[in-house]
Protein backbone atom coordinates (compact mmCIF):
# COMPACT_ATOMS: atom_id res chain seq x y z
CA MET A 1 -4.62 176.55 -101.85
CA ILE A 2 -7.82 178.59 -102.65
CA PRO A 3 -7.66 180.42 -105.75
CA ALA A 4 -7.68 184.32 -105.31
CA SER A 5 -10.52 184.85 -108.17
CA LEU A 6 -12.60 182.36 -105.85
CA ARG A 7 -11.95 184.16 -102.64
CA GLY A 8 -14.56 186.32 -101.04
CA ARG A 9 -14.94 188.02 -97.48
CA GLY A 10 -16.43 185.96 -94.91
CA TRP A 11 -16.32 182.70 -97.16
CA TRP A 12 -15.08 179.60 -95.04
CA TRP A 13 -11.77 179.96 -96.66
CA SER A 14 -10.90 183.29 -95.46
CA ALA A 15 -10.29 181.37 -91.76
CA PRO A 16 -10.93 177.70 -92.24
CA ASP A 17 -9.44 176.92 -88.85
CA THR A 18 -11.82 179.25 -86.86
CA TRP A 19 -15.08 179.34 -89.66
CA VAL A 20 -18.13 177.98 -87.66
CA PRO A 21 -20.91 177.20 -90.02
CA GLU A 22 -24.37 178.77 -89.48
CA PRO A 23 -27.17 176.19 -88.37
CA HIS A 24 -28.66 176.30 -92.09
CA GLU A 25 -25.17 175.70 -93.56
CA ARG A 26 -24.82 172.35 -91.91
CA SER A 27 -25.51 168.93 -93.76
CA ILE A 28 -28.02 166.99 -93.15
CA MET A 29 -25.83 164.01 -93.64
CA PRO A 30 -23.92 162.98 -90.71
CA GLY A 31 -19.78 163.53 -91.37
CA SER A 32 -20.61 165.32 -94.36
CA PRO A 33 -19.19 169.08 -95.47
CA ALA A 34 -21.02 172.16 -94.38
CA ILE A 35 -22.78 174.12 -97.14
CA PRO A 36 -22.20 177.77 -97.05
CA ASP A 37 -23.82 180.17 -99.72
CA HIS A 38 -21.45 180.11 -102.61
CA PRO A 39 -21.16 182.95 -105.53
CA MET A 40 -22.20 181.63 -108.98
CA ARG A 41 -18.69 181.51 -110.42
CA VAL A 42 -17.94 179.65 -107.27
CA ARG A 43 -20.94 176.70 -107.81
CA LEU A 44 -19.94 176.33 -111.24
CA ALA A 45 -16.38 175.39 -109.64
CA PHE A 46 -17.67 172.89 -107.53
CA GLY A 47 -20.18 171.35 -110.38
CA GLY A 48 -17.41 171.00 -113.00
CA ILE A 49 -15.25 169.09 -110.58
CA ALA A 50 -18.42 167.08 -109.69
CA ALA A 51 -18.83 166.22 -112.97
CA LEU A 52 -14.96 165.58 -113.22
CA ALA A 53 -14.97 163.08 -110.15
CA GLY A 54 -18.04 161.64 -111.13
CA ILE A 55 -17.00 160.35 -114.65
CA THR A 56 -13.05 159.57 -113.50
CA GLY A 57 -14.54 157.05 -111.18
CA GLY A 58 -16.33 155.02 -113.62
CA LEU A 59 -14.74 155.74 -117.15
CA GLY A 60 -11.61 153.51 -116.52
CA ASN A 61 -13.58 150.27 -115.76
CA GLY A 62 -16.25 151.09 -118.45
CA ILE A 63 -13.44 150.99 -121.18
CA VAL A 64 -11.71 148.04 -119.68
CA THR A 65 -15.26 146.15 -120.03
CA ALA A 66 -16.15 147.51 -123.24
CA ASN A 67 -12.84 146.34 -124.82
CA LEU A 68 -11.97 143.39 -122.98
CA THR A 69 -11.62 141.17 -125.55
CA SER A 70 -8.66 143.49 -127.17
CA LEU A 71 -7.11 143.78 -123.63
CA GLN A 72 -7.31 140.10 -123.45
CA GLY A 73 -5.08 139.50 -126.51
CA GLU A 74 -2.94 142.70 -125.52
CA LEU A 75 -1.89 140.75 -122.06
CA GLY A 76 -2.21 137.13 -123.64
CA LEU A 77 -4.84 136.35 -121.28
CA TYR A 78 -7.23 133.21 -121.16
CA PRO A 79 -11.25 134.65 -121.05
CA ALA A 80 -11.27 133.43 -117.58
CA GLU A 81 -8.30 135.59 -116.67
CA ALA A 82 -9.29 138.78 -118.56
CA ALA A 83 -12.91 138.39 -116.64
CA TRP A 84 -10.76 139.46 -113.13
CA LEU A 85 -10.29 142.65 -114.17
CA PRO A 86 -13.81 144.00 -114.15
CA THR A 87 -14.43 141.77 -111.24
CA VAL A 88 -12.00 143.04 -109.39
CA TYR A 89 -12.73 146.30 -109.78
CA VAL A 90 -16.27 145.54 -108.51
CA MET A 91 -14.68 143.67 -105.17
CA THR A 92 -12.80 146.75 -103.85
CA ASN A 93 -15.51 149.23 -104.80
CA VAL A 94 -17.85 147.18 -102.89
CA VAL A 95 -15.64 146.43 -99.83
CA SER A 96 -14.19 149.89 -99.51
CA GLY A 97 -18.03 151.15 -99.17
CA LEU A 98 -17.68 149.25 -95.54
CA LEU A 99 -15.51 151.70 -94.19
CA LEU A 100 -15.62 154.97 -96.12
CA VAL A 101 -18.50 156.78 -94.63
CA LYS A 102 -17.00 156.39 -91.14
CA PHE A 103 -13.67 157.44 -92.34
CA ARG A 104 -14.96 160.35 -93.81
CA GLN A 105 -16.92 160.96 -90.31
CA GLN A 106 -13.69 160.94 -88.24
CA PHE A 107 -10.71 162.16 -90.83
CA GLY A 108 -12.63 163.89 -93.42
CA LEU A 109 -13.09 162.52 -97.10
CA ARG A 110 -10.34 164.53 -98.63
CA LEU A 111 -7.71 162.87 -96.61
CA PHE A 112 -9.19 159.32 -97.93
CA VAL A 113 -9.43 160.72 -101.81
CA GLN A 114 -5.97 161.92 -101.72
CA ILE A 115 -4.68 158.49 -100.24
CA PHE A 116 -6.41 156.21 -102.47
CA LEU A 117 -6.08 158.88 -105.63
CA VAL A 118 -2.41 159.02 -105.12
CA GLY A 119 -2.24 155.19 -104.80
CA TYR A 120 -4.35 154.98 -107.98
CA VAL A 121 -2.13 157.37 -109.85
CA LEU A 122 1.08 155.33 -108.99
CA ALA A 123 -0.49 151.76 -109.59
CA THR A 124 -1.40 153.23 -112.97
CA ALA A 125 2.19 154.90 -113.41
CA GLY A 126 3.57 151.42 -112.12
CA HIS A 127 1.40 149.46 -115.04
CA LEU A 128 3.01 151.71 -117.82
CA VAL A 129 6.09 150.38 -116.82
CA ALA A 130 5.69 146.48 -116.04
CA HIS A 131 2.34 145.70 -118.17
CA SER A 132 1.48 142.30 -117.16
CA PHE A 133 -1.67 140.91 -115.74
CA ALA A 134 -0.55 141.46 -112.17
CA SER A 135 -0.11 144.73 -112.72
CA ALA A 136 -3.44 144.89 -114.39
CA ILE A 137 -5.11 143.41 -111.29
CA VAL A 138 -3.54 146.01 -108.83
CA VAL A 139 -4.57 149.10 -110.98
CA ARG A 140 -8.32 147.68 -111.30
CA ALA A 141 -8.26 147.05 -107.63
CA PHE A 142 -7.16 150.47 -106.79
CA SER A 143 -9.45 151.67 -109.40
CA GLY A 144 -12.55 150.33 -107.66
CA ILE A 145 -11.53 151.95 -103.88
CA ALA A 146 -11.02 155.01 -105.93
CA ALA A 147 -14.03 154.94 -107.48
CA ALA A 148 -16.28 154.52 -104.31
CA SER A 149 -14.74 157.47 -102.81
CA LEU A 150 -15.18 159.39 -105.86
CA SER A 151 -18.74 158.95 -106.29
CA THR A 152 -19.34 160.16 -102.73
CA LEU A 153 -17.04 163.13 -103.57
CA ALA A 154 -19.16 163.69 -106.71
CA LEU A 155 -22.20 164.12 -104.44
CA LEU A 156 -20.62 166.08 -102.03
CA TYR A 157 -19.57 168.75 -104.40
CA MET A 158 -22.29 168.47 -106.34
CA MET A 159 -24.36 169.72 -103.57
CA GLN A 160 -22.11 172.72 -103.27
CA ALA A 161 -22.96 173.87 -106.75
CA PHE A 162 -26.88 174.16 -105.78
CA LYS A 163 -28.64 176.55 -103.52
CA PRO A 164 -31.05 174.87 -101.14
CA ALA A 165 -34.30 174.75 -102.72
CA TRP A 166 -32.69 172.87 -105.48
CA ARG A 167 -30.05 170.93 -103.43
CA LEU A 168 -32.39 167.53 -104.10
CA LYS A 169 -32.38 168.08 -107.63
CA GLY A 170 -28.82 168.57 -107.41
CA LEU A 171 -28.40 164.85 -105.77
CA VAL A 172 -30.07 163.60 -108.81
CA PHE A 173 -27.37 165.23 -110.97
CA ALA A 174 -24.45 163.85 -108.76
CA VAL A 175 -25.56 160.11 -108.75
CA GLY A 176 -26.34 160.45 -112.22
CA ILE A 177 -23.28 161.81 -113.83
CA PRO A 178 -21.11 158.41 -112.71
CA GLN A 179 -23.56 156.46 -114.70
CA LEU A 180 -22.72 158.37 -117.88
CA ALA A 181 -19.15 157.00 -117.68
CA THR A 182 -20.92 153.70 -119.27
CA PRO A 183 -22.00 155.27 -122.78
CA LEU A 184 -18.75 157.16 -122.65
CA ALA A 185 -16.72 154.36 -122.48
CA ARG A 186 -17.99 152.83 -125.39
CA LEU A 187 -17.01 156.29 -127.06
CA PHE A 188 -13.41 155.80 -126.47
CA PRO A 189 -11.77 155.61 -130.14
CA SER A 190 -10.68 151.62 -130.17
CA GLU A 191 -8.21 152.31 -132.53
CA LEU A 192 -6.07 153.69 -129.76
CA LEU A 193 -6.31 149.95 -127.86
CA GLU A 194 -5.36 148.27 -131.01
CA ALA A 195 -1.84 147.22 -132.46
CA GLY A 196 -0.05 147.35 -128.85
CA GLN A 197 -1.64 150.83 -128.18
CA TRP A 198 -2.70 149.84 -125.20
CA GLN A 199 -0.46 152.32 -123.15
CA THR A 200 -2.58 155.05 -124.53
CA PHE A 201 -5.60 154.00 -122.27
CA TYR A 202 -3.39 153.77 -119.20
CA VAL A 203 -1.98 157.20 -120.05
CA PHE A 204 -5.62 158.63 -120.24
CA GLU A 205 -6.64 157.24 -116.91
CA LEU A 206 -3.54 158.34 -115.31
CA GLY A 207 -4.19 161.90 -116.72
CA LEU A 208 -7.87 162.07 -115.30
CA ALA A 209 -6.91 160.71 -112.13
CA LEU A 210 -4.14 163.33 -112.08
CA LEU A 211 -6.75 166.08 -112.71
CA THR A 212 -8.85 164.90 -110.21
CA LEU A 213 -6.08 165.30 -107.96
CA ALA A 214 -5.33 168.72 -108.77
CA ALA A 215 -8.92 169.74 -108.94
CA VAL A 216 -9.73 168.78 -105.56
CA ARG A 217 -6.49 170.28 -103.86
CA TRP A 218 -7.48 173.42 -105.70
CA LEU A 219 -10.95 173.68 -104.43
CA PRO A 220 -11.41 171.68 -101.17
CA LEU A 221 -14.51 171.23 -99.86
CA PRO A 222 -15.78 173.23 -96.52
CA PRO A 223 -14.67 171.79 -93.26
CA SER A 224 -16.91 169.05 -91.84
CA GLU A 225 -17.80 167.92 -88.29
CA ARG A 226 -15.93 165.26 -87.53
CA PHE A 227 -16.11 162.89 -84.73
CA LYS A 228 -15.00 159.58 -83.36
CA ALA A 229 -16.84 156.98 -85.48
CA PHE A 230 -14.95 153.88 -85.51
CA GLU A 231 -15.04 151.20 -82.59
CA ARG A 232 -13.12 148.09 -82.26
CA GLY A 233 -16.00 145.97 -83.29
CA ASP A 234 -16.20 147.26 -86.64
CA PHE A 235 -12.70 146.20 -87.48
CA LEU A 236 -14.17 142.69 -86.78
CA THR A 237 -16.89 143.08 -88.62
CA PHE A 238 -14.61 144.28 -91.91
CA VAL A 239 -12.31 141.40 -91.51
CA LEU A 240 -15.39 138.98 -91.72
CA VAL A 241 -17.99 140.96 -94.04
CA ALA A 242 -15.34 142.31 -96.75
CA PRO A 243 -13.82 139.06 -97.52
CA GLY A 244 -17.18 137.42 -98.06
CA LEU A 245 -18.43 140.32 -100.09
CA ALA A 246 -15.33 139.81 -102.16
CA LEU A 247 -15.80 136.03 -102.41
CA LEU A 248 -19.72 136.54 -103.54
CA THR A 249 -18.32 139.15 -106.09
CA ALA A 250 -15.89 136.48 -107.44
CA VAL A 251 -18.35 133.89 -107.80
CA LEU A 252 -20.84 136.45 -109.83
CA GLY A 253 -18.54 137.75 -112.06
CA LEU A 254 -16.75 134.29 -113.03
CA GLY A 255 -19.23 132.01 -112.87
CA ARG A 256 -20.54 132.51 -116.23
CA VAL A 257 -17.09 132.45 -117.63
CA LEU A 258 -15.77 129.26 -115.95
CA TRP A 259 -19.53 128.08 -115.87
CA TRP A 260 -21.05 127.30 -112.45
CA PHE A 261 -20.92 123.99 -112.06
CA GLU A 262 -17.36 123.41 -113.84
CA ALA A 263 -15.07 124.84 -111.68
CA PRO A 264 -14.94 123.43 -108.00
CA TRP A 265 -13.09 126.49 -106.41
CA LEU A 266 -16.58 128.85 -107.14
CA GLY A 267 -18.48 126.29 -104.98
CA TYR A 268 -16.01 126.65 -102.00
CA ALA A 269 -15.86 130.46 -102.50
CA LEU A 270 -19.65 130.45 -102.12
CA CYS A 271 -19.75 128.50 -99.36
CA ALA A 272 -16.93 130.73 -97.48
CA ALA A 273 -18.84 133.96 -98.29
CA VAL A 274 -22.17 132.58 -96.75
CA VAL A 275 -20.37 131.79 -93.72
CA LEU A 276 -18.12 134.64 -93.31
CA LEU A 277 -21.57 136.84 -94.05
CA THR A 278 -23.73 134.74 -91.69
CA VAL A 279 -21.24 134.99 -88.75
CA GLY A 280 -20.13 138.77 -89.42
CA PHE A 281 -24.12 139.60 -89.71
CA SER A 282 -24.81 137.49 -86.40
CA ILE A 283 -21.95 139.48 -84.45
CA GLU A 284 -23.63 142.94 -86.00
CA HIS A 285 -26.97 141.84 -84.62
CA ARG A 286 -25.71 141.70 -81.15
CA ARG A 287 -23.61 144.86 -81.02
CA GLU A 288 -24.87 147.88 -79.29
CA ASN A 289 -23.51 150.41 -81.77
CA PRO A 290 -23.11 148.38 -85.24
CA LEU A 291 -21.06 149.01 -88.21
CA LEU A 292 -24.34 147.48 -90.08
CA ASN A 293 -27.69 147.77 -88.17
CA THR A 294 -29.17 144.56 -89.22
CA ARG A 295 -32.52 145.07 -87.88
CA TRP A 296 -32.93 148.20 -89.82
CA LEU A 297 -31.35 146.43 -92.58
CA GLY A 298 -33.76 143.37 -92.19
CA SER A 299 -37.04 145.50 -91.69
CA GLY A 300 -39.86 144.76 -94.44
CA ASP A 301 -39.65 148.04 -96.09
CA ILE A 302 -36.14 148.13 -96.36
CA LEU A 303 -35.93 144.73 -97.80
CA ARG A 304 -38.39 145.67 -100.06
CA PHE A 305 -36.27 148.91 -101.36
CA ALA A 306 -33.30 146.54 -102.09
CA LEU A 307 -35.02 143.70 -103.74
CA VAL A 308 -36.44 146.76 -106.14
CA ALA A 309 -33.33 148.23 -106.20
CA ILE A 310 -31.76 145.09 -107.17
CA LEU A 311 -34.18 143.70 -109.45
CA THR A 312 -33.81 147.10 -111.47
CA ARG A 313 -30.22 146.97 -111.97
CA VAL A 314 -30.65 143.45 -112.95
CA VAL A 315 -33.13 144.51 -115.92
CA LEU A 316 -30.97 147.77 -116.61
CA ALA A 317 -28.59 144.81 -117.96
CA GLU A 318 -30.64 143.98 -120.72
CA GLN A 319 -28.69 147.41 -122.28
CA THR A 320 -24.85 146.30 -121.37
CA THR A 321 -25.39 142.73 -121.74
CA GLY A 322 -28.44 142.13 -123.77
CA ALA A 323 -28.36 144.34 -126.45
CA VAL A 324 -24.31 144.86 -126.85
CA GLY A 325 -24.16 140.79 -126.63
CA LEU A 326 -26.65 140.73 -129.61
CA LEU A 327 -24.59 143.16 -131.77
CA THR A 328 -21.57 141.40 -130.83
CA THR A 329 -22.71 137.69 -132.00
CA LEU A 330 -24.16 139.48 -135.09
CA GLY A 331 -19.97 140.61 -135.68
CA LEU A 332 -20.38 144.14 -134.79
CA GLY A 333 -17.57 146.01 -132.88
CA ASN A 334 -17.49 149.32 -130.48
CA GLU A 335 -16.98 150.96 -134.12
CA GLN A 336 -20.12 149.95 -135.51
CA MET A 337 -21.87 150.71 -132.29
CA ARG A 338 -21.02 153.92 -131.78
CA GLY A 339 -24.08 155.74 -132.97
CA LEU A 340 -26.03 153.80 -130.85
CA PHE A 341 -23.88 154.96 -127.82
CA VAL A 342 -24.45 158.45 -128.81
CA VAL A 343 -28.02 157.94 -128.80
CA ILE A 344 -27.65 156.35 -125.47
CA LEU A 345 -25.78 158.89 -124.05
CA PHE A 346 -27.91 161.72 -125.09
CA ALA A 347 -31.06 159.76 -123.71
CA SER A 348 -29.32 159.32 -120.26
CA ILE A 349 -28.54 163.21 -120.16
CA ALA A 350 -32.34 163.64 -120.95
CA GLY A 351 -33.43 161.20 -118.18
CA MET A 352 -31.14 162.80 -115.68
CA VAL A 353 -32.46 166.26 -116.48
CA VAL A 354 -36.07 165.48 -116.53
CA GLY A 355 -35.67 162.92 -113.36
CA SER A 356 -34.07 166.07 -111.65
CA LEU A 357 -36.70 168.83 -112.75
CA THR A 358 -39.64 166.73 -111.78
CA LEU A 359 -38.60 165.49 -108.71
CA ASN A 360 -41.35 165.42 -106.15
CA PRO A 361 -39.99 164.47 -102.36
CA ASN A 362 -43.38 163.14 -101.52
CA PHE A 363 -44.04 161.05 -104.05
CA LEU A 364 -40.76 159.39 -105.36
CA GLY A 365 -42.07 156.05 -105.75
CA LYS A 366 -43.67 157.54 -109.16
CA PRO A 367 -40.68 158.02 -111.24
CA ILE A 368 -39.28 154.46 -110.10
CA LEU A 369 -42.61 152.95 -111.67
CA ILE A 370 -42.26 154.66 -114.65
CA ALA A 371 -38.72 153.67 -115.22
CA LEU A 372 -39.73 150.28 -114.72
CA GLY A 373 -42.50 150.49 -117.20
CA MET A 374 -40.01 152.24 -119.88
CA ILE A 375 -37.73 149.30 -119.47
CA ALA A 376 -40.09 146.43 -120.04
CA LEU A 377 -41.16 148.24 -123.17
CA GLY A 378 -37.74 149.15 -124.20
CA ALA A 379 -37.30 145.22 -123.72
CA PHE A 380 -40.25 144.29 -125.63
CA MET A 381 -39.33 146.19 -128.46
CA ASP A 382 -36.09 144.34 -128.81
CA MET A 383 -37.69 141.36 -129.36
CA GLY A 384 -38.14 139.93 -132.91
CA ALA A 385 -34.19 140.52 -133.67
CA THR A 386 -32.76 138.82 -136.61
CA ASN A 387 -29.75 138.35 -138.33
CA LEU A 388 -30.35 141.44 -140.02
CA THR A 389 -30.83 143.43 -137.09
CA ARG A 390 -28.07 146.78 -136.80
CA PRO A 391 -27.84 149.11 -134.36
CA PRO A 392 -30.33 152.02 -136.22
CA GLN A 393 -33.19 149.27 -135.51
CA LEU A 394 -32.27 149.62 -131.75
CA TYR A 395 -32.15 153.56 -131.31
CA VAL A 396 -35.49 153.96 -130.06
CA SER A 397 -35.72 150.94 -127.45
CA GLN A 398 -32.13 151.88 -126.28
CA ALA A 399 -32.58 155.26 -125.89
CA ILE A 400 -35.76 154.61 -123.85
CA LEU A 401 -33.79 152.29 -121.50
CA GLY A 402 -31.06 154.91 -121.12
CA PHE A 403 -33.56 157.51 -120.33
CA ALA A 404 -35.12 155.23 -117.87
CA ALA A 405 -32.04 154.02 -115.78
CA LEU A 406 -31.05 157.90 -115.26
CA LEU A 407 -34.89 158.66 -114.36
CA PHE A 408 -34.82 155.38 -111.56
CA ILE A 409 -31.34 156.35 -109.88
CA GLY A 410 -31.90 159.76 -108.31
CA PRO A 411 -35.08 158.87 -106.58
CA ALA A 412 -34.11 155.32 -105.52
CA LEU A 413 -31.33 156.83 -103.52
CA LEU A 414 -33.75 159.62 -101.91
CA VAL A 415 -36.20 156.72 -101.08
CA GLY A 416 -33.34 154.75 -98.69
CA LEU A 417 -31.57 157.87 -98.02
CA THR A 418 -34.62 159.70 -96.30
CA ARG A 419 -35.82 156.81 -94.20
CA ALA A 420 -31.96 156.41 -93.01
CA LEU A 421 -32.18 159.87 -91.92
CA ALA A 422 -35.68 159.31 -90.46
CA ALA A 423 -34.44 156.64 -88.19
CA GLY A 424 -31.33 158.61 -87.00
CA PRO A 425 -27.69 159.37 -88.34
CA SER A 426 -26.41 156.26 -87.11
CA TYR A 427 -28.46 154.16 -89.85
CA PHE A 428 -26.41 156.52 -92.71
CA VAL A 429 -23.81 154.01 -92.75
CA SER A 430 -26.14 151.04 -92.96
CA PHE A 431 -27.85 152.81 -95.89
CA SER A 432 -24.64 153.67 -97.70
CA VAL A 433 -23.34 149.92 -97.62
CA LEU A 434 -26.61 148.98 -98.60
CA PHE A 435 -26.90 151.08 -101.81
CA SER A 436 -23.39 150.49 -102.97
CA VAL A 437 -23.93 146.89 -102.64
CA THR A 438 -27.48 146.87 -104.58
CA GLN A 439 -26.14 148.81 -107.56
CA SER A 440 -22.74 147.14 -107.64
CA LEU A 441 -24.04 143.14 -107.11
CA GLY A 442 -27.45 144.17 -108.70
CA GLY A 443 -25.34 145.11 -111.88
CA LEU A 444 -23.37 141.62 -111.40
CA ILE A 445 -26.26 139.97 -110.78
CA GLY A 446 -28.21 141.22 -113.97
CA ALA A 447 -24.79 140.27 -116.39
CA ALA A 448 -24.76 136.92 -114.62
CA LEU A 449 -28.14 136.06 -115.04
CA ILE A 450 -28.79 137.35 -118.43
CA GLY A 451 -25.64 135.73 -119.56
CA THR A 452 -26.62 132.38 -118.13
CA PHE A 453 -29.89 132.32 -119.41
CA GLN A 454 -28.97 133.16 -122.75
CA THR A 455 -26.07 130.19 -122.78
CA VAL A 456 -28.67 127.99 -121.63
CA GLN A 457 -31.47 128.92 -124.27
CA THR A 458 -28.70 128.86 -127.03
CA ARG A 459 -28.21 125.32 -126.47
CA VAL A 460 -32.29 124.44 -126.42
CA HIS A 461 -32.21 126.45 -129.58
CA LEU A 462 -29.48 124.91 -131.10
CA ILE A 463 -31.17 121.22 -130.53
CA GLN A 464 -34.18 122.45 -131.74
CA LEU A 465 -32.71 124.10 -135.29
CA GLY A 466 -30.54 120.85 -135.26
CA ASN A 467 -33.34 118.10 -135.23
CA GLN A 468 -34.78 120.51 -138.27
CA VAL A 469 -31.69 120.24 -140.43
CA SER A 470 -31.32 117.07 -142.52
CA LEU A 471 -28.63 116.68 -145.29
CA THR A 472 -31.11 114.63 -146.97
CA ASP A 473 -33.09 117.66 -147.55
CA PRO A 474 -32.42 119.05 -151.05
CA VAL A 475 -32.54 122.72 -149.87
CA VAL A 476 -29.72 121.91 -147.36
CA ALA A 477 -27.65 119.73 -149.13
CA SER A 478 -27.67 122.61 -151.86
CA ARG A 479 -26.15 124.84 -149.21
CA VAL A 480 -23.69 122.55 -148.08
CA THR A 481 -22.51 121.88 -151.66
CA ALA A 482 -22.50 125.92 -152.34
CA GLY A 483 -20.38 126.46 -149.27
CA GLY A 484 -17.92 123.59 -150.20
CA ALA A 485 -17.64 125.11 -153.40
CA GLY A 486 -16.49 128.73 -152.51
CA LEU A 487 -13.53 126.67 -151.34
CA GLY A 488 -12.84 124.81 -154.18
CA ARG A 489 -9.54 126.95 -154.73
CA VAL A 490 -8.31 125.97 -151.37
CA ILE A 491 -9.34 122.78 -150.80
CA GLY A 492 -9.18 119.86 -153.28
CA ASP A 493 -10.49 117.01 -151.97
CA PRO A 494 -14.12 116.63 -152.60
CA ALA A 495 -14.89 114.90 -148.97
CA LEU A 496 -13.10 118.16 -147.16
CA ARG A 497 -14.64 120.41 -149.06
CA GLN A 498 -18.37 118.78 -148.50
CA ALA A 499 -17.16 118.77 -144.22
CA GLU A 500 -16.81 122.15 -144.64
CA GLY A 501 -19.88 123.00 -146.01
CA VAL A 502 -21.32 120.96 -143.21
CA ALA A 503 -19.14 123.43 -140.48
CA LEU A 504 -20.55 126.48 -142.51
CA ILE A 505 -23.96 125.23 -141.70
CA GLY A 506 -23.29 124.99 -138.35
CA GLN A 507 -22.26 127.97 -137.97
CA SER A 508 -25.35 129.61 -139.35
CA LEU A 509 -27.67 127.60 -137.02
CA THR A 510 -25.05 128.64 -134.08
CA ARG A 511 -25.34 132.38 -134.87
CA GLU A 512 -29.50 131.66 -135.28
CA ALA A 513 -29.64 129.93 -131.94
CA ASN A 514 -27.70 132.61 -130.25
CA ILE A 515 -30.14 135.09 -131.87
CA LEU A 516 -32.84 133.31 -130.83
CA ALA A 517 -31.67 132.97 -127.23
CA TYR A 518 -31.14 136.88 -127.13
CA ASP A 519 -34.74 137.50 -128.13
CA ASP A 520 -36.15 134.84 -125.39
CA VAL A 521 -33.74 137.15 -122.56
CA PHE A 522 -35.37 140.71 -123.93
CA ARG A 523 -38.89 138.70 -123.44
CA LEU A 524 -37.30 137.78 -119.69
CA ILE A 525 -36.28 140.90 -119.00
CA GLY A 526 -39.63 142.63 -119.97
CA VAL A 527 -41.40 140.07 -117.73
CA ILE A 528 -39.05 140.77 -114.53
CA ALA A 529 -39.69 144.56 -115.08
CA LEU A 530 -43.44 144.45 -115.44
CA VAL A 531 -43.71 142.12 -112.61
CA THR A 532 -41.39 144.39 -110.47
CA MET A 533 -43.48 147.39 -111.22
CA LEU A 534 -46.69 145.63 -110.52
CA TRP A 535 -45.32 144.38 -107.21
CA ALA A 536 -43.70 147.82 -106.29
CA SER A 537 -46.69 149.49 -106.93
CA ILE A 538 -48.90 147.72 -104.53
CA HIS A 539 -46.29 148.91 -101.78
CA ILE A 540 -46.28 152.60 -103.00
CA THR A 541 -49.85 152.60 -102.98
CA ARG A 542 -50.04 151.29 -100.01
CA ILE A 543 -47.32 153.68 -98.39
CA GLN A 544 -49.41 156.66 -99.90
CA ARG A 545 -52.70 155.73 -98.50
CA ALA A 546 -51.51 155.46 -95.15
CA ARG A 547 -50.21 159.01 -95.84
CA ARG A 548 -53.20 160.48 -96.33
CA ARG A 549 -55.04 159.13 -93.83
CA ALA A 550 -52.29 160.51 -91.66
CA ALA A 551 -52.70 163.71 -93.38
CA LEU A 552 -56.62 163.60 -92.71
CA ALA A 553 -56.26 162.64 -89.29
CA ALA A 554 -53.99 165.57 -88.55
CA THR A 555 -56.28 168.11 -90.18
CA THR A 556 -59.26 166.78 -88.50
CA SER A 557 -58.03 166.22 -84.75
């Protein structure tokens, strides 16, 4: 029901069954709602709902990821079991993107959102009663599906909030707002998640979902042009590709926790994923109207776009996995890092605003190159960390990374979107899936790569440091004695005190090895970002030169 305060003469909601949009009000994206002219108060309402939907989609999973250790203790889980919670979210998020676009084109996005938001609400409410590992998995699964639809919903609502001349700039806000969920999640009071009070978080998550559902029903989107989009072959593709992507996600999400070569099922899952994806893409390659246009996805420009998008998400893991991992190793919790994430939040908002205001549709590669350069700069600034490093020493570097992340995301979406729409409306589904996969799996690949590299380098540095330490060294011997003496009131046996002193030396070596490994991580990320920037600049320069030659030829002919 449209609120009376927002109704107006001649608007689509005055007669939704008979209203026909004008040509200039039709959306350029097939299956998306029309974009009629709205007064300012209606635009503000659409913008507010867009922000709410975008934050709701990612905040719940962000809080779970940021407080995974606490949740693990609350549910009595092993680390490998707890790792399933964020992994299942990514699984269903990626998989649901395969059908979301066509579902919206045939049945409308509002129906899809209401179906899965209601499912999300029921699953979250059920978890408040059951509060078990199985129910937590169900909640994360529905959260991933709902997030896939809510991110699209945020984009479509944000398009309603801007006038035509500013619509592309509004798109930058639409894809940027969900990214703010990560720093916001770190600001969630961790005190509410301790001492058996995890129900507080689920009540909060339930409230956000209910609020979003109410907002969507309060102010629905204008009607969209629907058409028969699904074909029988689409469901065969889904049956093959969806499990393949899910298995690949499971391997990436759990490989570092279980360790890649220690759990045999990881190898079986990876083999099954390769087979399923190969068969699925082979069938799609031979279809007349494929769900995923493999020829377009396999073209040089699109492959380069996908590679740059994945590599950028990989290096952006420096913030969530690198810096946070370093501070966690140094014994800091979320409450000690709260100031850091306030800085990251404001820097991210600044990156989104600057990216929107400086957007140039004719040169979308420029902000992408600048973002990669800033990521490299931030990573190199973090090198040289010691056991005295604290959040204030990371404020500048992490602000640069937060700014770069939001500067990158909007132009990256527009680069692929313009190429998909230029190729034809049928390519829009393929691009939507591609962008979702590159962003979601890119983040998982980044976490897996950085975490694995850090673990390996820790062992390397531990061996090197261990070779430099000898109990015959007077300095080492005095530290062992001092460490054991501190336990004199508890341990009376001199031999045990000596052993405890040696153990304390081992703990110090392990901590220093971890810090040195994180320095290697920052160096690696900086190098990857620089190489990606140089490689992308070559192709962007080539494209710009080709455009100039074409423009010059057009003016002289």
